[in-house]
Amino acid sequence: AHVYVVGVADDAVAAFSRDALTGQLTFVHRLQDGVGGVDGLDWARGVAIPADGEHVYAVSQFDAAVVTLDRDTTTGQLTFVEWLHDSQGGVDGLNYPWGVTVSPEGNQVYVAGYNDHSLTQFDRDAATGQLTYLQTHYDNVAGVDGLRYAVDVAIGEDGKHVYVTGWADSAVALAR
C-alpha cells in the first residue's frame, strides 16, 4: 500500500501511497535530517521494511548511521524512533553504509558498510523497532573475503544466507 524511497541529496526518506490497481503513487510526506527532531539521514542511501510492516530502516552515508522509523500501516506516515551510528555505544562497521535489509522473520537487520568493507548485523525488537548491535564482519578479517566497498545486502527467502556485493572485489559474498 506504500512505497518508501531515500532522497540522497535531500537527506530524507519519502513516503508514497500506492494505488493497487494502477500502481500510481501519491506523495504522503517526508522525514528530513535536521527537521522536527529527525537525525541520522545525512546522505540517506538505502531503505528496508520488515515483513510485519511496522517499521522502516534507513542508512545514511554521511551520518554513518542506521535509522529506525515507526510506520503507520494505514496512512504510511513515518515517525522518527532512533538512530545508531558508527563508533558510538559499541556500534561498528557503519562507515558510509549503503545497503540495508531485514531478515524474513524480522528479527535481524543487516547493513553493508562501504568504507568499512563490512557487513554489520543488528538484533531487532519487533515491538519497538529498536536495534541492538550484534556483530560486524570485515573484509580480509577471519577468512572473510569479497566485502571490499560493500554496497548492497540481501537475504535468501529461507533466511539462512546473507549476500553482500563487494564493488571493488567484483564479488558477491555469502554469509551464513
N, C-alpha and C. Protein backbone atom coordinates (compact mmCIF):
# COMPACT_ATOMS: atom_id res chain seq x y z
N ALA A 1 0.81 -1.20 0.00
CA ALA A 1 0.00 0.00 0.00
C ALA A 1 0.85 1.26 0.00
N HIS A 2 2.14 1.12 0.36
CA HIS A 2 3.02 2.28 0.45
C HIS A 2 4.39 1.97 -0.13
N VAL A 3 5.05 3.02 -0.60
CA VAL A 3 6.41 2.92 -1.13
C VAL A 3 7.26 3.94 -0.39
N TYR A 4 8.48 3.54 -0.04
CA TYR A 4 9.41 4.42 0.67
C TYR A 4 10.71 4.49 -0.10
N VAL A 5 11.19 5.70 -0.29
CA VAL A 5 12.45 5.91 -1.02
C VAL A 5 13.31 6.91 -0.26
N VAL A 6 14.63 6.79 -0.48
CA VAL A 6 15.54 7.76 0.12
C VAL A 6 15.86 8.83 -0.92
N GLY A 7 16.04 10.03 -0.43
CA GLY A 7 16.50 11.14 -1.25
C GLY A 7 17.91 11.47 -0.80
N VAL A 8 18.89 11.00 -1.56
CA VAL A 8 20.29 11.13 -1.15
C VAL A 8 20.65 12.59 -0.90
N ALA A 9 20.48 13.44 -1.88
CA ALA A 9 20.86 14.85 -1.74
C ALA A 9 19.90 15.63 -0.83
N ASP A 10 18.69 15.12 -0.61
CA ASP A 10 17.73 15.77 0.27
C ASP A 10 17.85 15.32 1.72
N ASP A 11 18.70 14.30 1.97
CA ASP A 11 18.86 13.78 3.34
C ASP A 11 17.50 13.37 3.91
N ALA A 12 16.75 12.58 3.15
CA ALA A 12 15.36 12.33 3.53
C ALA A 12 14.88 10.94 3.15
N VAL A 13 13.79 10.54 3.79
CA VAL A 13 13.01 9.37 3.40
C VAL A 13 11.63 9.89 3.04
N ALA A 14 11.17 9.55 1.85
CA ALA A 14 9.86 10.00 1.39
C ALA A 14 8.90 8.82 1.39
N ALA A 15 7.65 9.10 1.73
CA ALA A 15 6.59 8.09 1.77
C ALA A 15 5.56 8.42 0.70
N PHE A 16 5.12 7.37 -0.01
CA PHE A 16 4.09 7.49 -1.03
C PHE A 16 3.02 6.43 -0.79
N SER A 17 1.77 6.76 -1.07
CA SER A 17 0.74 5.73 -1.09
C SER A 17 0.67 5.21 -2.52
N ARG A 18 0.29 3.95 -2.66
CA ARG A 18 0.27 3.31 -3.98
C ARG A 18 -1.11 2.77 -4.27
N ASP A 19 -1.64 3.13 -5.42
CA ASP A 19 -2.91 2.60 -5.88
C ASP A 19 -2.67 1.17 -6.36
N ALA A 20 -3.33 0.20 -5.74
CA ALA A 20 -3.11 -1.21 -6.05
C ALA A 20 -3.51 -1.58 -7.48
N LEU A 21 -4.46 -0.86 -8.07
CA LEU A 21 -4.91 -1.18 -9.42
C LEU A 21 -4.02 -0.59 -10.49
N THR A 22 -3.63 0.66 -10.31
CA THR A 22 -2.87 1.35 -11.35
C THR A 22 -1.38 1.45 -11.07
N GLY A 23 -0.99 1.29 -9.81
CA GLY A 23 0.41 1.48 -9.44
C GLY A 23 0.77 2.94 -9.23
N GLN A 24 -0.17 3.82 -9.47
CA GLN A 24 0.05 5.27 -9.32
C GLN A 24 0.48 5.60 -7.89
N LEU A 25 1.50 6.44 -7.75
CA LEU A 25 1.99 6.87 -6.44
C LEU A 25 1.51 8.27 -6.12
N THR A 26 1.18 8.48 -4.85
CA THR A 26 0.78 9.80 -4.35
C THR A 26 1.65 10.13 -3.15
N PHE A 27 2.27 11.28 -3.18
CA PHE A 27 3.16 11.70 -2.09
C PHE A 27 2.39 11.82 -0.79
N VAL A 28 2.93 11.24 0.29
CA VAL A 28 2.32 11.31 1.62
C VAL A 28 3.07 12.34 2.46
N HIS A 29 4.37 12.14 2.65
CA HIS A 29 5.20 13.09 3.37
C HIS A 29 6.65 12.62 3.33
N ARG A 30 7.53 13.42 3.94
CA ARG A 30 8.92 13.00 4.04
C ARG A 30 9.47 13.39 5.40
N LEU A 31 10.44 12.61 5.83
CA LEU A 31 11.22 12.94 7.02
C LEU A 31 12.59 13.35 6.53
N GLN A 32 13.06 14.49 7.03
CA GLN A 32 14.33 15.04 6.57
C GLN A 32 15.28 15.25 7.74
N ASP A 33 16.54 14.93 7.51
CA ASP A 33 17.57 15.10 8.51
C ASP A 33 17.59 16.54 9.03
N GLY A 34 17.59 16.69 10.35
CA GLY A 34 17.67 18.01 10.96
C GLY A 34 16.35 18.76 11.05
N VAL A 35 15.25 18.14 10.65
CA VAL A 35 13.94 18.79 10.68
C VAL A 35 13.02 18.03 11.63
N GLY A 36 12.45 18.72 12.59
CA GLY A 36 11.48 18.12 13.51
C GLY A 36 12.05 17.01 14.39
N GLY A 37 13.31 17.12 14.76
CA GLY A 37 13.92 16.14 15.64
C GLY A 37 14.46 14.90 14.94
N VAL A 38 14.39 14.87 13.63
CA VAL A 38 14.91 13.73 12.86
C VAL A 38 16.42 13.89 12.73
N ASP A 39 17.13 12.79 12.95
CA ASP A 39 18.59 12.82 12.81
C ASP A 39 19.05 11.50 12.22
N GLY A 40 20.23 11.52 11.61
CA GLY A 40 20.83 10.31 11.08
C GLY A 40 20.57 10.05 9.61
N LEU A 41 19.99 10.99 8.87
CA LEU A 41 19.67 10.77 7.45
C LEU A 41 20.54 11.58 6.49
N ASP A 42 21.69 12.06 6.96
CA ASP A 42 22.56 12.86 6.10
C ASP A 42 23.13 11.99 4.98
N TRP A 43 22.66 12.24 3.77
CA TRP A 43 23.02 11.50 2.56
C TRP A 43 22.48 10.07 2.66
N ALA A 44 21.17 9.96 2.88
CA ALA A 44 20.50 8.66 3.01
C ALA A 44 20.76 7.81 1.77
N ARG A 45 21.07 6.53 1.97
CA ARG A 45 21.49 5.66 0.88
C ARG A 45 20.58 4.48 0.62
N GLY A 46 19.95 3.93 1.64
CA GLY A 46 19.14 2.73 1.44
C GLY A 46 18.00 2.66 2.42
N VAL A 47 16.98 1.86 2.09
CA VAL A 47 15.80 1.74 2.93
C VAL A 47 15.30 0.29 2.87
N ALA A 48 14.77 -0.21 4.01
CA ALA A 48 14.23 -1.57 4.07
C ALA A 48 13.05 -1.60 5.02
N ILE A 49 12.12 -2.53 4.74
CA ILE A 49 10.92 -2.70 5.57
C ILE A 49 10.81 -4.17 5.96
N PRO A 50 10.62 -4.47 7.25
CA PRO A 50 10.42 -5.87 7.64
C PRO A 50 9.06 -6.38 7.16
N ALA A 51 8.91 -7.69 7.12
CA ALA A 51 7.67 -8.31 6.64
C ALA A 51 6.46 -7.88 7.46
N ASP A 52 6.63 -7.58 8.75
CA ASP A 52 5.49 -7.16 9.57
C ASP A 52 5.03 -5.75 9.23
N GLY A 53 5.85 -4.98 8.49
CA GLY A 53 5.47 -3.66 8.03
C GLY A 53 5.38 -2.59 9.09
N GLU A 54 5.80 -2.87 10.29
CA GLU A 54 5.64 -1.93 11.40
C GLU A 54 6.68 -0.82 11.43
N HIS A 55 7.83 -1.04 10.80
CA HIS A 55 8.91 -0.06 10.87
C HIS A 55 9.58 0.06 9.51
N VAL A 56 10.39 1.10 9.37
CA VAL A 56 11.21 1.30 8.19
C VAL A 56 12.62 1.59 8.69
N TYR A 57 13.61 1.03 8.00
CA TYR A 57 15.01 1.26 8.37
C TYR A 57 15.71 1.92 7.20
N ALA A 58 16.50 2.95 7.52
CA ALA A 58 17.25 3.66 6.50
C ALA A 58 18.70 3.77 6.96
N VAL A 59 19.61 3.80 6.00
CA VAL A 59 21.02 4.02 6.31
C VAL A 59 21.48 5.30 5.64
N SER A 60 22.42 5.98 6.28
CA SER A 60 22.91 7.24 5.72
C SER A 60 24.42 7.27 5.70
N GLN A 61 24.91 7.67 4.56
CA GLN A 61 26.35 7.68 4.29
C GLN A 61 27.10 8.65 5.18
N PHE A 62 26.72 9.91 5.22
CA PHE A 62 27.50 10.92 5.94
C PHE A 62 27.28 10.89 7.45
N ASP A 63 26.15 10.40 7.92
CA ASP A 63 25.95 10.24 9.36
C ASP A 63 26.49 8.89 9.85
N ALA A 64 26.90 8.02 8.91
CA ALA A 64 27.41 6.69 9.26
C ALA A 64 26.43 6.02 10.22
N ALA A 65 25.17 5.90 9.79
CA ALA A 65 24.11 5.52 10.71
C ALA A 65 23.08 4.60 10.08
N VAL A 66 22.36 3.91 10.98
CA VAL A 66 21.13 3.21 10.62
C VAL A 66 20.02 3.85 11.46
N VAL A 67 18.92 4.19 10.81
CA VAL A 67 17.82 4.93 11.42
C VAL A 67 16.58 4.04 11.50
N THR A 68 15.92 4.07 12.66
CA THR A 68 14.67 3.35 12.84
C THR A 68 13.51 4.33 12.77
N LEU A 69 12.52 4.01 11.94
CA LEU A 69 11.33 4.83 11.78
C LEU A 69 10.11 3.96 12.07
N ASP A 70 9.18 4.49 12.83
CA ASP A 70 7.91 3.81 13.09
C ASP A 70 7.00 4.09 11.91
N ARG A 71 6.21 3.10 11.51
CA ARG A 71 5.36 3.23 10.33
C ARG A 71 3.90 3.03 10.70
N ASP A 72 3.05 3.98 10.30
CA ASP A 72 1.61 3.83 10.44
C ASP A 72 1.16 3.01 9.23
N THR A 73 0.73 1.78 9.47
CA THR A 73 0.40 0.88 8.37
C THR A 73 -0.84 1.31 7.58
N THR A 74 -1.65 2.18 8.15
CA THR A 74 -2.84 2.67 7.45
C THR A 74 -2.52 3.86 6.56
N THR A 75 -1.83 4.87 7.10
CA THR A 75 -1.57 6.10 6.36
C THR A 75 -0.22 6.12 5.65
N GLY A 76 0.71 5.29 6.12
CA GLY A 76 2.06 5.30 5.56
C GLY A 76 2.98 6.31 6.22
N GLN A 77 2.44 7.12 7.11
CA GLN A 77 3.23 8.14 7.81
C GLN A 77 4.36 7.49 8.60
N LEU A 78 5.50 8.16 8.63
CA LEU A 78 6.67 7.69 9.37
C LEU A 78 6.95 8.62 10.54
N THR A 79 7.46 8.04 11.63
CA THR A 79 7.85 8.80 12.81
C THR A 79 9.25 8.35 13.21
N PHE A 80 10.12 9.31 13.46
CA PHE A 80 11.48 9.01 13.87
C PHE A 80 11.49 8.32 15.23
N VAL A 81 12.26 7.22 15.35
CA VAL A 81 12.39 6.49 16.61
C VAL A 81 13.79 6.68 17.18
N GLU A 82 14.82 6.29 16.42
CA GLU A 82 16.20 6.35 16.90
C GLU A 82 17.17 6.27 15.73
N TRP A 83 18.42 6.57 16.03
CA TRP A 83 19.49 6.32 15.08
C TRP A 83 20.70 5.82 15.83
N LEU A 84 21.36 4.85 15.24
CA LEU A 84 22.59 4.30 15.78
C LEU A 84 23.69 4.64 14.80
N HIS A 85 24.82 5.12 15.31
CA HIS A 85 25.87 5.46 14.36
C HIS A 85 27.22 4.89 14.77
N ASP A 86 28.06 4.84 13.77
CA ASP A 86 29.38 4.23 13.88
C ASP A 86 30.17 4.82 15.04
N SER A 87 30.84 3.94 15.76
CA SER A 87 31.77 4.32 16.84
C SER A 87 31.09 4.90 18.07
N GLN A 88 29.81 4.69 18.24
CA GLN A 88 29.14 5.11 19.47
C GLN A 88 28.35 3.94 20.05
N GLY A 89 28.46 3.76 21.36
CA GLY A 89 27.73 2.70 22.03
C GLY A 89 28.12 1.31 21.59
N GLY A 90 29.36 1.15 21.14
CA GLY A 90 29.85 -0.15 20.70
C GLY A 90 29.52 -0.50 19.27
N VAL A 91 28.76 0.34 18.57
CA VAL A 91 28.40 0.08 17.17
C VAL A 91 29.63 0.29 16.29
N ASP A 92 29.83 -0.63 15.36
CA ASP A 92 30.96 -0.53 14.43
C ASP A 92 30.53 -1.05 13.07
N GLY A 93 31.26 -0.66 12.03
CA GLY A 93 31.01 -1.16 10.69
C GLY A 93 30.07 -0.31 9.86
N LEU A 94 29.73 0.89 10.34
CA LEU A 94 28.76 1.73 9.62
C LEU A 94 29.41 2.94 8.94
N ASN A 95 30.67 2.84 8.60
CA ASN A 95 31.32 3.94 7.90
C ASN A 95 30.87 3.93 6.44
N TYR A 96 30.04 4.89 6.08
CA TYR A 96 29.43 5.00 4.74
C TYR A 96 28.56 3.78 4.42
N PRO A 97 27.53 3.51 5.20
CA PRO A 97 26.65 2.39 4.86
C PRO A 97 25.84 2.71 3.61
N TRP A 98 25.66 1.70 2.76
CA TRP A 98 24.91 1.90 1.53
C TRP A 98 23.67 1.02 1.46
N GLY A 99 23.77 -0.22 1.89
CA GLY A 99 22.65 -1.13 1.75
C GLY A 99 22.13 -1.60 3.09
N VAL A 100 20.83 -1.90 3.16
CA VAL A 100 20.21 -2.38 4.38
C VAL A 100 19.11 -3.37 4.00
N THR A 101 18.95 -4.41 4.82
CA THR A 101 17.87 -5.36 4.61
C THR A 101 17.44 -5.93 5.96
N VAL A 102 16.26 -6.52 5.98
CA VAL A 102 15.71 -7.13 7.19
C VAL A 102 15.48 -8.61 6.89
N SER A 103 15.81 -9.46 7.87
CA SER A 103 15.62 -10.91 7.69
C SER A 103 14.13 -11.22 7.50
N PRO A 104 13.81 -12.32 6.81
CA PRO A 104 12.41 -12.67 6.56
C PRO A 104 11.56 -12.79 7.82
N GLU A 105 12.14 -13.29 8.91
CA GLU A 105 11.39 -13.42 10.16
C GLU A 105 11.35 -12.11 10.94
N GLY A 106 12.12 -11.10 10.50
CA GLY A 106 12.06 -9.76 11.07
C GLY A 106 12.85 -9.54 12.34
N ASN A 107 13.70 -10.47 12.72
CA ASN A 107 14.43 -10.29 13.97
C ASN A 107 15.87 -9.81 13.80
N GLN A 108 16.32 -9.64 12.56
CA GLN A 108 17.67 -9.17 12.28
C GLN A 108 17.65 -8.09 11.20
N VAL A 109 18.55 -7.12 11.34
CA VAL A 109 18.77 -6.10 10.31
C VAL A 109 20.24 -6.16 9.94
N TYR A 110 20.53 -6.14 8.63
CA TYR A 110 21.90 -6.21 8.13
C TYR A 110 22.22 -4.96 7.33
N VAL A 111 23.45 -4.46 7.50
CA VAL A 111 23.88 -3.25 6.81
C VAL A 111 25.21 -3.50 6.11
N ALA A 112 25.30 -3.09 4.84
CA ALA A 112 26.55 -3.16 4.08
C ALA A 112 27.30 -1.85 4.28
N GLY A 113 28.52 -1.93 4.80
CA GLY A 113 29.33 -0.74 5.07
C GLY A 113 30.38 -0.53 3.99
N TYR A 114 30.19 0.49 3.18
CA TYR A 114 31.06 0.76 2.02
C TYR A 114 32.51 1.02 2.45
N ASN A 115 32.75 2.02 3.27
CA ASN A 115 34.13 2.36 3.65
C ASN A 115 34.73 1.41 4.67
N ASP A 116 33.89 0.73 5.44
CA ASP A 116 34.40 -0.25 6.40
C ASP A 116 34.58 -1.62 5.76
N HIS A 117 34.16 -1.78 4.51
CA HIS A 117 34.28 -3.07 3.83
C HIS A 117 33.68 -4.15 4.73
N SER A 118 32.39 -3.96 5.07
CA SER A 118 31.83 -4.76 6.15
C SER A 118 30.37 -5.14 5.95
N LEU A 119 29.96 -6.10 6.78
CA LEU A 119 28.57 -6.49 6.94
C LEU A 119 28.29 -6.43 8.44
N THR A 120 27.34 -5.56 8.83
CA THR A 120 27.01 -5.39 10.25
C THR A 120 25.62 -5.95 10.50
N GLN A 121 25.49 -6.63 11.63
CA GLN A 121 24.24 -7.30 12.00
C GLN A 121 23.71 -6.72 13.30
N PHE A 122 22.39 -6.46 13.31
CA PHE A 122 21.69 -5.96 14.49
C PHE A 122 20.55 -6.91 14.83
N ASP A 123 20.27 -7.07 16.12
CA ASP A 123 19.05 -7.71 16.56
C ASP A 123 17.95 -6.66 16.54
N ARG A 124 16.74 -7.06 16.16
CA ARG A 124 15.60 -6.13 16.05
C ARG A 124 14.52 -6.52 17.05
N ASP A 125 14.05 -5.54 17.81
CA ASP A 125 12.91 -5.72 18.69
C ASP A 125 11.67 -5.42 17.85
N ALA A 126 10.89 -6.44 17.54
CA ALA A 126 9.75 -6.27 16.65
C ALA A 126 8.69 -5.34 17.21
N ALA A 127 8.57 -5.26 18.52
CA ALA A 127 7.55 -4.39 19.13
C ALA A 127 7.91 -2.92 19.01
N THR A 128 9.16 -2.57 19.27
CA THR A 128 9.57 -1.16 19.27
C THR A 128 10.31 -0.76 18.00
N GLY A 129 10.85 -1.75 17.28
CA GLY A 129 11.65 -1.47 16.10
C GLY A 129 13.11 -1.17 16.43
N GLN A 130 13.42 -0.99 17.69
CA GLN A 130 14.78 -0.62 18.08
C GLN A 130 15.77 -1.73 17.78
N LEU A 131 16.99 -1.31 17.49
CA LEU A 131 18.05 -2.22 17.11
C LEU A 131 19.11 -2.30 18.20
N THR A 132 19.71 -3.49 18.31
CA THR A 132 20.83 -3.72 19.21
C THR A 132 21.97 -4.27 18.38
N TYR A 133 23.13 -3.61 18.47
CA TYR A 133 24.30 -4.05 17.71
C TYR A 133 24.68 -5.46 18.12
N LEU A 134 24.93 -6.32 17.12
CA LEU A 134 25.31 -7.70 17.39
C LEU A 134 26.76 -7.96 16.99
N GLN A 135 27.10 -7.73 15.71
CA GLN A 135 28.46 -8.00 15.25
C GLN A 135 28.71 -7.39 13.88
N THR A 136 30.01 -7.32 13.53
CA THR A 136 30.42 -6.86 12.21
C THR A 136 31.45 -7.82 11.65
N HIS A 137 31.28 -8.16 10.38
CA HIS A 137 32.26 -8.96 9.64
C HIS A 137 32.98 -8.01 8.68
N TYR A 138 34.32 -8.06 8.68
CA TYR A 138 35.13 -7.18 7.85
C TYR A 138 35.86 -7.97 6.78
N ASP A 139 36.02 -7.35 5.62
CA ASP A 139 36.79 -7.94 4.54
C ASP A 139 38.22 -8.20 5.02
N ASN A 140 38.76 -9.34 4.66
CA ASN A 140 40.13 -9.74 4.99
C ASN A 140 40.39 -9.91 6.47
N VAL A 141 39.35 -10.19 7.26
CA VAL A 141 39.50 -10.49 8.68
C VAL A 141 38.80 -11.82 8.95
N ALA A 142 39.50 -12.72 9.60
CA ALA A 142 38.95 -14.03 9.99
C ALA A 142 38.39 -14.81 8.80
N GLY A 143 39.09 -14.74 7.67
CA GLY A 143 38.69 -15.51 6.50
C GLY A 143 37.59 -14.91 5.64
N VAL A 144 37.12 -13.73 6.00
CA VAL A 144 36.07 -13.07 5.21
C VAL A 144 36.69 -12.43 3.97
N ASP A 145 36.03 -12.60 2.83
CA ASP A 145 36.52 -12.02 1.59
C ASP A 145 35.33 -11.60 0.74
N GLY A 146 35.53 -10.60 -0.11
CA GLY A 146 34.51 -10.16 -1.05
C GLY A 146 33.70 -8.96 -0.60
N LEU A 147 34.08 -8.33 0.53
CA LEU A 147 33.32 -7.19 1.05
C LEU A 147 33.96 -5.84 0.77
N ARG A 148 34.98 -5.80 -0.07
CA ARG A 148 35.65 -4.52 -0.32
C ARG A 148 34.69 -3.55 -1.01
N TYR A 149 34.42 -2.44 -0.34
CA TYR A 149 33.43 -1.44 -0.76
C TYR A 149 32.05 -2.09 -0.92
N ALA A 150 31.57 -2.68 0.18
CA ALA A 150 30.26 -3.33 0.20
C ALA A 150 29.17 -2.30 -0.11
N VAL A 151 28.31 -2.62 -1.07
CA VAL A 151 27.29 -1.66 -1.48
C VAL A 151 25.85 -2.11 -1.24
N ASP A 152 25.61 -3.40 -1.23
CA ASP A 152 24.23 -3.85 -1.03
C ASP A 152 24.21 -5.18 -0.32
N VAL A 153 23.07 -5.49 0.26
CA VAL A 153 22.91 -6.72 1.03
C VAL A 153 21.50 -7.26 0.80
N ALA A 154 21.38 -8.59 0.69
CA ALA A 154 20.10 -9.25 0.50
C ALA A 154 20.11 -10.57 1.27
N ILE A 155 18.93 -11.08 1.57
CA ILE A 155 18.80 -12.33 2.30
C ILE A 155 17.93 -13.28 1.50
N GLY A 156 18.34 -14.56 1.46
CA GLY A 156 17.54 -15.58 0.79
C GLY A 156 16.19 -15.73 1.48
N GLU A 157 15.20 -16.21 0.75
CA GLU A 157 13.84 -16.35 1.28
C GLU A 157 13.77 -17.19 2.55
N ASP A 158 14.66 -18.19 2.66
CA ASP A 158 14.64 -19.04 3.84
C ASP A 158 15.35 -18.41 5.04
N GLY A 159 16.00 -17.27 4.83
CA GLY A 159 16.67 -16.56 5.90
C GLY A 159 17.99 -17.16 6.34
N LYS A 160 18.46 -18.18 5.65
CA LYS A 160 19.68 -18.87 6.07
C LYS A 160 20.95 -18.25 5.50
N HIS A 161 20.85 -17.49 4.42
CA HIS A 161 22.03 -16.95 3.77
C HIS A 161 21.89 -15.45 3.52
N VAL A 162 22.96 -14.74 3.77
CA VAL A 162 23.02 -13.30 3.53
C VAL A 162 24.04 -13.08 2.42
N TYR A 163 23.67 -12.26 1.45
CA TYR A 163 24.53 -11.99 0.30
C TYR A 163 24.90 -10.51 0.30
N VAL A 164 26.17 -10.22 0.09
CA VAL A 164 26.66 -8.85 0.08
C VAL A 164 27.47 -8.63 -1.20
N THR A 165 27.21 -7.53 -1.89
CA THR A 165 28.00 -7.21 -3.07
C THR A 165 29.18 -6.35 -2.66
N GLY A 166 30.37 -6.79 -3.08
CA GLY A 166 31.60 -6.02 -2.85
C GLY A 166 32.03 -5.39 -4.16
N TRP A 167 31.80 -4.09 -4.30
CA TRP A 167 32.04 -3.38 -5.55
C TRP A 167 33.48 -3.54 -6.03
N ALA A 168 34.47 -3.26 -5.19
CA ALA A 168 35.87 -3.31 -5.61
C ALA A 168 36.38 -4.74 -5.79
N ASP A 169 35.72 -5.69 -5.16
CA ASP A 169 36.09 -7.09 -5.33
C ASP A 169 35.38 -7.73 -6.52
N SER A 170 34.44 -6.99 -7.14
CA SER A 170 33.61 -7.57 -8.21
C SER A 170 33.06 -8.91 -7.74
N ALA A 171 32.49 -8.91 -6.53
CA ALA A 171 32.10 -10.17 -5.91
C ALA A 171 30.74 -10.08 -5.22
N VAL A 172 30.16 -11.24 -5.02
CA VAL A 172 29.02 -11.41 -4.14
C VAL A 172 29.51 -12.33 -3.03
N ALA A 173 29.52 -11.82 -1.81
CA ALA A 173 29.97 -12.61 -0.67
C ALA A 173 28.77 -13.27 -0.01
N LEU A 174 28.99 -14.45 0.52
CA LEU A 174 27.94 -15.23 1.17
C LEU A 174 28.25 -15.34 2.65
N ALA A 175 27.27 -15.03 3.49
CA ALA A 175 27.40 -15.20 4.94
C ALA A 175 26.30 -16.15 5.40
N ARG A 176 26.59 -16.92 6.41
CA ARG A 176 25.59 -17.84 6.95
C ARG A 176 25.31 -17.52 8.38
